[in-house]
Amino acid sequence: MNETCMCWGFDHGDGWYNIIDSMCSAMTYTYQTSIEVDALRAIAWNLEPTKWGDGEVKYYLDVQGPQVIADQVKEKFGTLRFYFHLEFEPRFCELAYGENPLPAAKECAERYSSYIDGIVHYAECLTERTCEETGKEGEMHVSGNRNGWYRTLNREHAKTLNRNYVPVADIPPEKDEEPSL
């Protein structure tokens, strides 16, 4: 367990399966682009030249979307947490992070990272309103009092569990607390 927590598997209920499946699909079928490279790299990598109408020759490296590697997938404080890292193709890594990086390659890597972050964030937001156990519409519940275990559950399903889950929205505010809007 030196590099990943996936030895524990997916640590959440089955109700989020469709959300995670859709998230993984969106991450898998991402866009691809290309980066202009100098002639020395192009020759070393056997890249075909692109000739423009004015006779100018340029070289481009096709950039595939990165491989998303899940490091840990779990429920925490009632919602999904999806921790990951990206692995790019080695030639692109050299362009973005190597000894003589190209600013355009680094910017491209950051755009891919932001794109994947957005997909993950959207999935995590969906789990705030999806029952972790049933996949039905859900809301945040807590066992016992506000200091208990938080989970996103369907109201009816929560009643069947032995931990006395109560919807957070139904708990009256404490004396020192401002009511939420």
N, C-alpha and C. Protein backbone atom coordinates (compact mmCIF):
# COMPACT_ATOMS: atom_id res chain seq x y z
N MET A 1 0.85 -1.19 0.00
CA MET A 1 0.00 0.00 0.00
C MET A 1 0.89 1.25 0.00
N ASN A 2 1.93 1.25 -0.82
CA ASN A 2 2.84 2.39 -0.86
C ASN A 2 2.38 3.49 -1.80
N GLU A 3 1.64 3.15 -2.87
CA GLU A 3 1.29 4.15 -3.86
C GLU A 3 -0.20 4.36 -4.03
N THR A 4 -1.01 3.42 -3.61
CA THR A 4 -2.45 3.52 -3.84
C THR A 4 -3.22 2.90 -2.68
N CYS A 5 -4.43 3.36 -2.50
CA CYS A 5 -5.31 2.76 -1.50
C CYS A 5 -6.33 1.84 -2.16
N MET A 6 -6.13 1.52 -3.43
CA MET A 6 -7.09 0.68 -4.14
C MET A 6 -7.05 -0.77 -3.67
N CYS A 7 -6.11 -1.11 -2.78
CA CYS A 7 -6.12 -2.46 -2.21
C CYS A 7 -7.39 -2.68 -1.40
N TRP A 8 -8.05 -1.60 -0.97
CA TRP A 8 -9.32 -1.70 -0.26
C TRP A 8 -10.51 -1.67 -1.20
N GLY A 9 -10.25 -1.47 -2.47
CA GLY A 9 -11.33 -1.44 -3.45
C GLY A 9 -12.12 -0.15 -3.38
N PHE A 10 -13.34 -0.22 -3.89
CA PHE A 10 -14.25 0.92 -3.87
C PHE A 10 -14.98 0.88 -2.54
N ASP A 11 -14.76 1.86 -1.69
CA ASP A 11 -15.27 1.85 -0.33
C ASP A 11 -16.49 2.76 -0.20
N HIS A 12 -17.61 2.30 -0.79
CA HIS A 12 -18.89 3.02 -0.74
C HIS A 12 -20.00 2.05 -1.12
N GLY A 13 -21.24 2.48 -0.96
CA GLY A 13 -22.37 1.63 -1.30
C GLY A 13 -22.58 1.50 -2.80
N ASP A 14 -23.41 0.53 -3.19
CA ASP A 14 -23.67 0.25 -4.60
C ASP A 14 -24.54 1.29 -5.30
N GLY A 15 -25.19 2.16 -4.54
CA GLY A 15 -26.10 3.13 -5.13
C GLY A 15 -25.42 4.16 -6.01
N TRP A 16 -24.12 4.33 -5.88
CA TRP A 16 -23.39 5.29 -6.69
C TRP A 16 -22.76 4.66 -7.93
N TYR A 17 -23.06 3.39 -8.19
CA TYR A 17 -22.43 2.70 -9.32
C TYR A 17 -22.62 3.45 -10.63
N ASN A 18 -23.86 3.85 -10.95
CA ASN A 18 -24.12 4.51 -12.23
C ASN A 18 -23.39 5.85 -12.35
N ILE A 19 -23.28 6.57 -11.24
CA ILE A 19 -22.54 7.84 -11.26
C ILE A 19 -21.07 7.58 -11.57
N ILE A 20 -20.47 6.62 -10.89
CA ILE A 20 -19.06 6.32 -11.09
C ILE A 20 -18.82 5.75 -12.49
N ASP A 21 -19.73 4.91 -12.95
CA ASP A 21 -19.62 4.35 -14.30
C ASP A 21 -19.65 5.46 -15.35
N SER A 22 -20.57 6.41 -15.21
CA SER A 22 -20.66 7.54 -16.15
C SER A 22 -19.42 8.42 -16.06
N MET A 23 -18.93 8.65 -14.84
CA MET A 23 -17.72 9.44 -14.66
C MET A 23 -16.54 8.79 -15.38
N CYS A 24 -16.37 7.50 -15.18
CA CYS A 24 -15.25 6.79 -15.83
C CYS A 24 -15.38 6.81 -17.34
N SER A 25 -16.59 6.68 -17.83
CA SER A 25 -16.82 6.74 -19.28
C SER A 25 -16.43 8.11 -19.82
N ALA A 26 -16.83 9.17 -19.13
CA ALA A 26 -16.49 10.53 -19.57
C ALA A 26 -14.97 10.75 -19.54
N MET A 27 -14.29 10.17 -18.58
CA MET A 27 -12.84 10.33 -18.49
C MET A 27 -12.12 9.51 -19.56
N THR A 28 -12.72 8.39 -19.96
CA THR A 28 -12.11 7.51 -20.95
C THR A 28 -12.20 8.10 -22.35
N TYR A 29 -13.35 8.65 -22.68
CA TYR A 29 -13.57 9.16 -24.03
C TYR A 29 -13.38 10.67 -24.05
N THR A 30 -12.16 11.08 -23.78
CA THR A 30 -11.83 12.50 -23.73
C THR A 30 -11.33 12.95 -25.10
N TYR A 31 -11.03 14.20 -25.23
CA TYR A 31 -10.57 14.75 -26.49
C TYR A 31 -9.08 14.48 -26.70
N GLN A 32 -8.65 14.58 -27.95
CA GLN A 32 -7.22 14.51 -28.23
C GLN A 32 -6.84 15.77 -29.01
N THR A 33 -5.58 16.10 -28.98
CA THR A 33 -5.09 17.32 -29.60
C THR A 33 -3.69 17.06 -30.15
N SER A 34 -3.01 18.10 -30.55
CA SER A 34 -1.62 17.95 -30.99
C SER A 34 -0.83 19.17 -30.54
N ILE A 35 0.49 18.98 -30.43
CA ILE A 35 1.41 20.01 -29.99
C ILE A 35 2.49 20.17 -31.07
N GLU A 36 2.77 21.41 -31.42
CA GLU A 36 3.85 21.66 -32.38
C GLU A 36 5.19 21.41 -31.68
N VAL A 37 6.09 20.67 -32.35
CA VAL A 37 7.40 20.37 -31.80
C VAL A 37 8.48 20.84 -32.77
N ASP A 38 9.68 21.00 -32.26
CA ASP A 38 10.80 21.44 -33.09
C ASP A 38 11.27 20.29 -33.99
N ALA A 39 12.02 20.63 -35.01
CA ALA A 39 12.46 19.66 -36.01
C ALA A 39 13.34 18.57 -35.41
N LEU A 40 14.20 18.92 -34.44
CA LEU A 40 15.08 17.90 -33.85
C LEU A 40 14.27 16.80 -33.15
N ARG A 41 13.30 17.21 -32.36
CA ARG A 41 12.45 16.20 -31.69
C ARG A 41 11.65 15.42 -32.72
N ALA A 42 11.12 16.11 -33.71
CA ALA A 42 10.30 15.45 -34.73
C ALA A 42 11.10 14.37 -35.45
N ILE A 43 12.33 14.66 -35.78
CA ILE A 43 13.18 13.68 -36.47
C ILE A 43 13.48 12.51 -35.54
N ALA A 44 13.82 12.81 -34.27
CA ALA A 44 14.11 11.75 -33.30
C ALA A 44 12.90 10.84 -33.09
N TRP A 45 11.71 11.40 -33.18
CA TRP A 45 10.49 10.63 -32.94
C TRP A 45 9.82 10.15 -34.24
N ASN A 46 10.47 10.37 -35.37
CA ASN A 46 9.94 9.94 -36.68
C ASN A 46 8.56 10.52 -36.97
N LEU A 47 8.37 11.79 -36.67
CA LEU A 47 7.08 12.44 -36.95
C LEU A 47 7.05 12.91 -38.40
N GLU A 48 5.91 12.75 -39.02
CA GLU A 48 5.73 13.20 -40.40
C GLU A 48 5.56 14.72 -40.43
N PRO A 49 6.17 15.39 -41.39
CA PRO A 49 6.01 16.84 -41.49
C PRO A 49 4.63 17.21 -42.03
N THR A 50 4.17 18.37 -41.63
CA THR A 50 2.93 18.94 -42.17
C THR A 50 3.34 20.14 -43.01
N LYS A 51 2.96 20.12 -44.30
CA LYS A 51 3.31 21.22 -45.19
C LYS A 51 2.11 22.12 -45.35
N TRP A 52 2.33 23.40 -45.13
CA TRP A 52 1.28 24.39 -45.25
C TRP A 52 1.28 24.96 -46.66
N GLY A 53 0.24 25.68 -47.02
CA GLY A 53 0.07 26.24 -48.36
C GLY A 53 1.22 27.10 -48.82
N ASP A 54 1.87 27.78 -47.91
CA ASP A 54 2.98 28.66 -48.29
C ASP A 54 4.31 27.92 -48.32
N GLY A 55 4.28 26.59 -48.19
CA GLY A 55 5.49 25.78 -48.23
C GLY A 55 6.16 25.59 -46.88
N GLU A 56 5.65 26.26 -45.83
CA GLU A 56 6.23 26.12 -44.50
C GLU A 56 5.99 24.70 -43.98
N VAL A 57 6.99 24.15 -43.33
CA VAL A 57 6.91 22.80 -42.78
C VAL A 57 6.88 22.89 -41.25
N LYS A 58 5.92 22.20 -40.66
CA LYS A 58 5.83 22.13 -39.19
C LYS A 58 5.65 20.68 -38.78
N TYR A 59 5.98 20.41 -37.54
CA TYR A 59 5.85 19.06 -37.01
C TYR A 59 4.93 19.09 -35.80
N TYR A 60 4.07 18.08 -35.70
CA TYR A 60 3.11 18.01 -34.61
C TYR A 60 3.12 16.62 -33.98
N LEU A 61 3.07 16.60 -32.67
CA LEU A 61 2.92 15.34 -31.94
C LEU A 61 1.46 15.21 -31.54
N ASP A 62 0.82 14.13 -31.97
CA ASP A 62 -0.56 13.88 -31.55
C ASP A 62 -0.56 13.52 -30.07
N VAL A 63 -1.44 14.17 -29.32
CA VAL A 63 -1.51 13.96 -27.87
C VAL A 63 -2.83 13.28 -27.54
N GLN A 64 -2.72 12.07 -27.03
CA GLN A 64 -3.90 11.34 -26.57
C GLN A 64 -4.25 11.81 -25.16
N GLY A 65 -5.50 11.69 -24.79
CA GLY A 65 -5.88 12.01 -23.42
C GLY A 65 -5.12 11.13 -22.45
N PRO A 66 -4.87 11.62 -21.25
CA PRO A 66 -4.11 10.83 -20.27
C PRO A 66 -4.91 9.66 -19.73
N GLN A 67 -4.19 8.69 -19.22
CA GLN A 67 -4.81 7.57 -18.50
C GLN A 67 -5.11 8.06 -17.09
N VAL A 68 -6.33 7.91 -16.65
CA VAL A 68 -6.70 8.30 -15.28
C VAL A 68 -6.51 7.07 -14.39
N ILE A 69 -5.68 7.20 -13.37
CA ILE A 69 -5.40 6.11 -12.45
C ILE A 69 -6.06 6.43 -11.11
N ALA A 70 -7.01 5.59 -10.70
CA ALA A 70 -7.68 5.78 -9.41
C ALA A 70 -6.73 5.38 -8.30
N ASP A 71 -6.53 6.29 -7.35
CA ASP A 71 -5.70 6.01 -6.18
C ASP A 71 -6.54 5.61 -4.98
N GLN A 72 -7.73 6.19 -4.86
CA GLN A 72 -8.64 5.85 -3.77
C GLN A 72 -10.05 6.31 -4.15
N VAL A 73 -11.03 5.45 -3.89
CA VAL A 73 -12.43 5.76 -4.18
C VAL A 73 -13.23 5.38 -2.93
N LYS A 74 -13.86 6.38 -2.31
CA LYS A 74 -14.54 6.10 -1.05
C LYS A 74 -15.63 7.13 -0.77
N GLU A 75 -16.41 6.82 0.25
CA GLU A 75 -17.39 7.78 0.79
C GLU A 75 -16.70 8.47 1.95
N LYS A 76 -16.86 9.79 2.02
CA LYS A 76 -16.35 10.55 3.16
C LYS A 76 -17.31 11.70 3.42
N PHE A 77 -17.76 11.83 4.66
CA PHE A 77 -18.71 12.87 5.05
C PHE A 77 -19.95 12.85 4.15
N GLY A 78 -20.35 11.65 3.76
CA GLY A 78 -21.61 11.49 3.03
C GLY A 78 -21.54 11.63 1.52
N THR A 79 -20.38 11.94 0.97
CA THR A 79 -20.27 12.07 -0.48
C THR A 79 -19.06 11.31 -1.01
N LEU A 80 -19.03 11.15 -2.31
CA LEU A 80 -17.95 10.44 -2.99
C LEU A 80 -16.66 11.23 -2.93
N ARG A 81 -15.56 10.52 -2.71
CA ARG A 81 -14.22 11.08 -2.86
C ARG A 81 -13.50 10.18 -3.88
N PHE A 82 -13.01 10.81 -4.95
CA PHE A 82 -12.32 10.08 -6.01
C PHE A 82 -10.94 10.71 -6.16
N TYR A 83 -9.93 10.03 -5.60
CA TYR A 83 -8.56 10.53 -5.66
C TYR A 83 -7.84 9.80 -6.80
N PHE A 84 -7.11 10.55 -7.61
CA PHE A 84 -6.52 9.98 -8.82
C PHE A 84 -5.24 10.73 -9.21
N HIS A 85 -4.54 10.15 -10.16
CA HIS A 85 -3.46 10.87 -10.82
C HIS A 85 -3.53 10.55 -12.31
N LEU A 86 -2.88 11.37 -13.11
CA LEU A 86 -2.90 11.21 -14.56
C LEU A 86 -1.56 10.67 -15.05
N GLU A 87 -1.62 9.78 -16.04
CA GLU A 87 -0.40 9.29 -16.68
C GLU A 87 -0.50 9.61 -18.16
N PHE A 88 0.45 10.40 -18.64
CA PHE A 88 0.52 10.77 -20.04
C PHE A 88 1.51 9.86 -20.77
N GLU A 89 1.39 9.84 -22.07
CA GLU A 89 2.29 9.11 -22.95
C GLU A 89 3.71 9.67 -22.75
N PRO A 90 4.75 8.83 -22.74
CA PRO A 90 6.11 9.26 -22.39
C PRO A 90 6.64 10.45 -23.21
N ARG A 91 6.40 10.46 -24.51
CA ARG A 91 6.93 11.58 -25.31
C ARG A 91 6.27 12.90 -24.89
N PHE A 92 4.97 12.84 -24.59
CA PHE A 92 4.30 14.06 -24.15
C PHE A 92 4.83 14.49 -22.79
N CYS A 93 5.08 13.55 -21.88
CA CYS A 93 5.66 13.88 -20.56
C CYS A 93 6.98 14.61 -20.72
N GLU A 94 7.80 14.16 -21.68
CA GLU A 94 9.08 14.82 -21.92
C GLU A 94 8.85 16.27 -22.37
N LEU A 95 7.84 16.48 -23.22
CA LEU A 95 7.55 17.83 -23.69
C LEU A 95 7.03 18.73 -22.58
N ALA A 96 6.19 18.18 -21.72
CA ALA A 96 5.54 19.00 -20.68
C ALA A 96 6.38 19.16 -19.43
N TYR A 97 7.13 18.12 -19.06
CA TYR A 97 7.80 18.13 -17.76
C TYR A 97 9.30 17.83 -17.84
N GLY A 98 9.82 17.62 -19.04
CA GLY A 98 11.21 17.21 -19.20
C GLY A 98 12.21 18.32 -18.96
N GLU A 99 13.44 18.06 -19.40
CA GLU A 99 14.54 18.99 -19.19
C GLU A 99 14.33 20.33 -19.89
N ASN A 100 13.80 20.29 -21.10
CA ASN A 100 13.51 21.50 -21.87
C ASN A 100 12.02 21.52 -22.22
N PRO A 101 11.16 21.77 -21.24
CA PRO A 101 9.71 21.68 -21.48
C PRO A 101 9.20 22.77 -22.43
N LEU A 102 8.16 22.42 -23.16
CA LEU A 102 7.50 23.40 -24.01
C LEU A 102 6.32 23.99 -23.24
N PRO A 103 6.21 25.29 -23.15
CA PRO A 103 5.08 25.90 -22.43
C PRO A 103 3.73 25.43 -22.96
N ALA A 104 3.61 25.24 -24.26
CA ALA A 104 2.33 24.78 -24.84
C ALA A 104 1.98 23.37 -24.35
N ALA A 105 2.99 22.52 -24.16
CA ALA A 105 2.73 21.16 -23.68
C ALA A 105 2.30 21.18 -22.21
N LYS A 106 2.97 22.00 -21.41
CA LYS A 106 2.60 22.12 -20.00
C LYS A 106 1.18 22.66 -19.88
N GLU A 107 0.84 23.66 -20.70
CA GLU A 107 -0.51 24.21 -20.70
C GLU A 107 -1.54 23.15 -21.12
N CYS A 108 -1.19 22.34 -22.09
CA CYS A 108 -2.08 21.25 -22.53
C CYS A 108 -2.31 20.25 -21.40
N ALA A 109 -1.25 19.88 -20.68
CA ALA A 109 -1.38 18.95 -19.54
C ALA A 109 -2.29 19.55 -18.47
N GLU A 110 -2.14 20.83 -18.22
CA GLU A 110 -2.99 21.50 -17.22
C GLU A 110 -4.45 21.54 -17.67
N ARG A 111 -4.69 21.72 -18.97
CA ARG A 111 -6.07 21.71 -19.48
C ARG A 111 -6.69 20.33 -19.31
N TYR A 112 -5.91 19.27 -19.61
CA TYR A 112 -6.43 17.91 -19.40
C TYR A 112 -6.75 17.70 -17.92
N SER A 113 -5.85 18.14 -17.05
CA SER A 113 -6.07 17.98 -15.61
C SER A 113 -7.34 18.70 -15.16
N SER A 114 -7.53 19.93 -15.63
CA SER A 114 -8.74 20.69 -15.28
C SER A 114 -9.99 20.01 -15.81
N TYR A 115 -9.90 19.48 -17.00
CA TYR A 115 -11.03 18.78 -17.62
C TYR A 115 -11.45 17.57 -16.77
N ILE A 116 -10.47 16.76 -16.38
CA ILE A 116 -10.75 15.58 -15.55
C ILE A 116 -11.23 16.01 -14.17
N ASP A 117 -10.64 17.04 -13.59
CA ASP A 117 -11.10 17.56 -12.29
C ASP A 117 -12.57 17.94 -12.35
N GLY A 118 -12.99 18.56 -13.45
CA GLY A 118 -14.40 18.96 -13.61
C GLY A 118 -15.33 17.76 -13.65
N ILE A 119 -14.93 16.71 -14.35
CA ILE A 119 -15.74 15.50 -14.42
C ILE A 119 -15.88 14.89 -13.02
N VAL A 120 -14.77 14.80 -12.30
CA VAL A 120 -14.79 14.22 -10.94
C VAL A 120 -15.65 15.08 -10.02
N HIS A 121 -15.49 16.38 -10.08
CA HIS A 121 -16.27 17.27 -9.22
C HIS A 121 -17.77 17.10 -9.49
N TYR A 122 -18.15 17.02 -10.75
CA TYR A 122 -19.57 16.83 -11.09
C TYR A 122 -20.10 15.53 -10.50
N ALA A 123 -19.34 14.45 -10.62
CA ALA A 123 -19.76 13.17 -10.06
C ALA A 123 -19.89 13.26 -8.54
N GLU A 124 -18.93 13.92 -7.89
CA GLU A 124 -18.99 14.07 -6.44
C GLU A 124 -20.23 14.88 -6.04
N CYS A 125 -20.58 15.89 -6.82
CA CYS A 125 -21.78 16.68 -6.53
C CYS A 125 -23.05 15.84 -6.69
N LEU A 126 -23.08 14.97 -7.69
CA LEU A 126 -24.25 14.11 -7.88
C LEU A 126 -24.48 13.19 -6.69
N THR A 127 -23.39 12.78 -6.02
CA THR A 127 -23.56 11.88 -4.88
C THR A 127 -24.15 12.59 -3.67
N GLU A 128 -24.16 13.92 -3.67
CA GLU A 128 -24.78 14.67 -2.57
C GLU A 128 -26.29 14.53 -2.59
N ARG A 129 -26.84 14.07 -3.71
CA ARG A 129 -28.29 13.95 -3.84
C ARG A 129 -28.74 12.57 -4.33
N THR A 130 -27.82 11.60 -4.21
CA THR A 130 -28.12 10.23 -4.62
C THR A 130 -27.83 9.29 -3.46
N CYS A 131 -28.81 8.46 -3.11
CA CYS A 131 -28.62 7.51 -2.00
C CYS A 131 -27.45 6.58 -2.29
N GLU A 132 -26.54 6.51 -1.36
CA GLU A 132 -25.35 5.67 -1.51
C GLU A 132 -25.70 4.19 -1.62
N GLU A 133 -26.79 3.78 -1.01
CA GLU A 133 -27.18 2.37 -0.99
C GLU A 133 -28.10 1.96 -2.14
N THR A 134 -29.09 2.81 -2.44
CA THR A 134 -30.13 2.41 -3.41
C THR A 134 -30.00 3.07 -4.78
N GLY A 135 -29.31 4.19 -4.87
CA GLY A 135 -29.22 4.93 -6.12
C GLY A 135 -30.41 5.84 -6.37
N LYS A 136 -31.39 5.81 -5.46
CA LYS A 136 -32.55 6.69 -5.58
C LYS A 136 -32.20 8.09 -5.09
N GLU A 137 -33.17 9.00 -5.26
CA GLU A 137 -32.96 10.36 -4.76
C GLU A 137 -32.63 10.30 -3.28
N GLY A 138 -31.62 11.06 -2.87
CA GLY A 138 -31.20 11.02 -1.47
C GLY A 138 -30.88 12.41 -0.95
N GLU A 139 -30.60 12.46 0.33
CA GLU A 139 -30.19 13.70 0.98
C GLU A 139 -29.28 13.35 2.14
N MET A 140 -28.58 14.34 2.65
CA MET A 140 -27.63 14.11 3.72
C MET A 140 -28.37 13.71 5.00
N HIS A 141 -27.91 12.62 5.61
CA HIS A 141 -28.43 12.12 6.89
C HIS A 141 -27.26 12.03 7.85
N VAL A 142 -27.58 12.01 9.13
CA VAL A 142 -26.57 11.82 10.16
C VAL A 142 -27.13 10.85 11.19
N SER A 143 -26.25 9.99 11.72
CA SER A 143 -26.69 9.05 12.75
C SER A 143 -26.60 9.73 14.11
N GLY A 144 -27.68 9.64 14.86
CA GLY A 144 -27.69 10.23 16.20
C GLY A 144 -27.81 11.73 16.16
N ASN A 145 -26.74 12.44 16.45
CA ASN A 145 -26.76 13.90 16.46
C ASN A 145 -25.82 14.43 15.38
N ARG A 146 -25.58 15.73 15.38
CA ARG A 146 -24.72 16.34 14.36
C ARG A 146 -23.29 15.80 14.37
N ASN A 147 -22.88 15.17 15.43
CA ASN A 147 -21.53 14.63 15.52
C ASN A 147 -21.45 13.18 15.08
N GLY A 148 -22.54 12.66 14.53
CA GLY A 148 -22.57 11.26 14.12
C GLY A 148 -21.98 11.02 12.74
N TRP A 149 -22.31 9.88 12.16
CA TRP A 149 -21.81 9.46 10.86
C TRP A 149 -22.70 10.04 9.77
N TYR A 150 -22.11 10.78 8.82
CA TYR A 150 -22.86 11.40 7.73
C TYR A 150 -22.90 10.49 6.51
N ARG A 151 -24.09 10.37 5.92
CA ARG A 151 -24.26 9.59 4.70
C ARG A 151 -25.38 10.19 3.87
N THR A 152 -25.29 10.06 2.56
CA THR A 152 -26.38 10.47 1.69
C THR A 152 -27.28 9.26 1.49
N LEU A 153 -28.52 9.40 1.94
CA LEU A 153 -29.45 8.27 1.92
C LEU A 153 -30.83 8.72 1.44
N ASN A 154 -31.57 7.78 0.93
CA ASN A 154 -32.98 7.97 0.64
C ASN A 154 -33.73 7.93 1.97
N ARG A 155 -34.70 8.81 2.16
CA ARG A 155 -35.41 8.88 3.46
C ARG A 155 -36.01 7.53 3.87
N GLU A 156 -36.64 6.86 2.94
CA GLU A 156 -37.27 5.56 3.27
C GLU A 156 -36.22 4.51 3.61
N HIS A 157 -35.16 4.48 2.86
CA HIS A 157 -34.11 3.49 3.13
C HIS A 157 -33.44 3.77 4.48
N ALA A 158 -33.25 5.04 4.81
CA ALA A 158 -32.60 5.40 6.08
C ALA A 158 -33.38 4.84 7.27
N LYS A 159 -34.70 4.76 7.14
CA LYS A 159 -35.53 4.24 8.24
C LYS A 159 -35.29 2.75 8.48
N THR A 160 -34.77 2.04 7.47
CA THR A 160 -34.55 0.60 7.61
C THR A 160 -33.20 0.27 8.23
N LEU A 161 -32.35 1.25 8.39
CA LEU A 161 -31.01 1.01 8.93
C LEU A 161 -31.03 1.11 10.45
N ASN A 162 -30.13 0.41 11.10
CA ASN A 162 -30.10 0.33 12.56
C ASN A 162 -29.30 1.44 13.24
N ARG A 163 -28.93 2.48 12.54
CA ARG A 163 -28.08 3.50 13.14
C ARG A 163 -28.82 4.79 13.43
N ASN A 164 -30.14 4.79 13.36
CA ASN A 164 -30.95 5.96 13.70
C ASN A 164 -30.56 7.18 12.87
N TYR A 165 -30.54 7.01 11.53
CA TYR A 165 -30.20 8.12 10.64
C TYR A 165 -31.36 9.11 10.56
N VAL A 166 -31.02 10.40 10.63
CA VAL A 166 -31.99 11.49 10.58
C VAL A 166 -31.56 12.45 9.47
N PRO A 167 -32.50 12.94 8.65
CA PRO A 167 -32.10 13.94 7.65
C PRO A 167 -31.54 15.18 8.34
N VAL A 168 -30.41 15.65 7.88
CA VAL A 168 -29.77 16.83 8.46
C VAL A 168 -30.71 18.03 8.40
N ALA A 169 -31.49 18.13 7.32
CA ALA A 169 -32.41 19.26 7.16
C ALA A 169 -33.48 19.28 8.25
N ASP A 170 -33.76 18.13 8.88
CA ASP A 170 -34.80 18.05 9.92
C ASP A 170 -34.27 18.31 11.33
N ILE A 171 -32.98 18.47 11.49
CA ILE A 171 -32.40 18.71 12.81
C ILE A 171 -32.50 20.20 13.10
N PRO A 172 -33.15 20.56 14.20
CA PRO A 172 -33.25 21.99 14.52
C PRO A 172 -31.87 22.57 14.81
N PRO A 173 -31.67 23.85 14.47
CA PRO A 173 -30.37 24.48 14.75
C PRO A 173 -30.11 24.56 16.24
N GLU A 174 -28.84 24.49 16.60
CA GLU A 174 -28.47 24.63 18.00
C GLU A 174 -28.63 26.10 18.39
N LYS A 175 -28.66 26.41 19.66
CA LYS A 175 -28.93 27.75 20.15
C LYS A 175 -27.98 28.80 19.57
N ASP A 176 -26.70 28.48 19.48
CA ASP A 176 -25.70 29.43 19.00
C ASP A 176 -25.60 29.48 17.48
N GLU A 177 -26.38 28.67 16.81
CA GLU A 177 -26.24 28.50 15.37
C GLU A 177 -27.28 29.33 14.61
N GLU A 178 -26.84 29.93 13.49
CA GLU A 178 -27.77 30.64 12.62
C GLU A 178 -28.55 29.60 11.79
N PRO A 179 -29.85 29.80 11.61
CA PRO A 179 -30.58 28.84 10.75
C PRO A 179 -30.08 28.94 9.31
N SER A 180 -29.99 27.79 8.65
CA SER A 180 -29.55 27.78 7.25
C SER A 180 -30.71 28.19 6.36
N LEU A 181 -30.38 28.85 5.26
CA LEU A 181 -31.40 29.33 4.31
C LEU A 181 -31.67 28.32 3.26
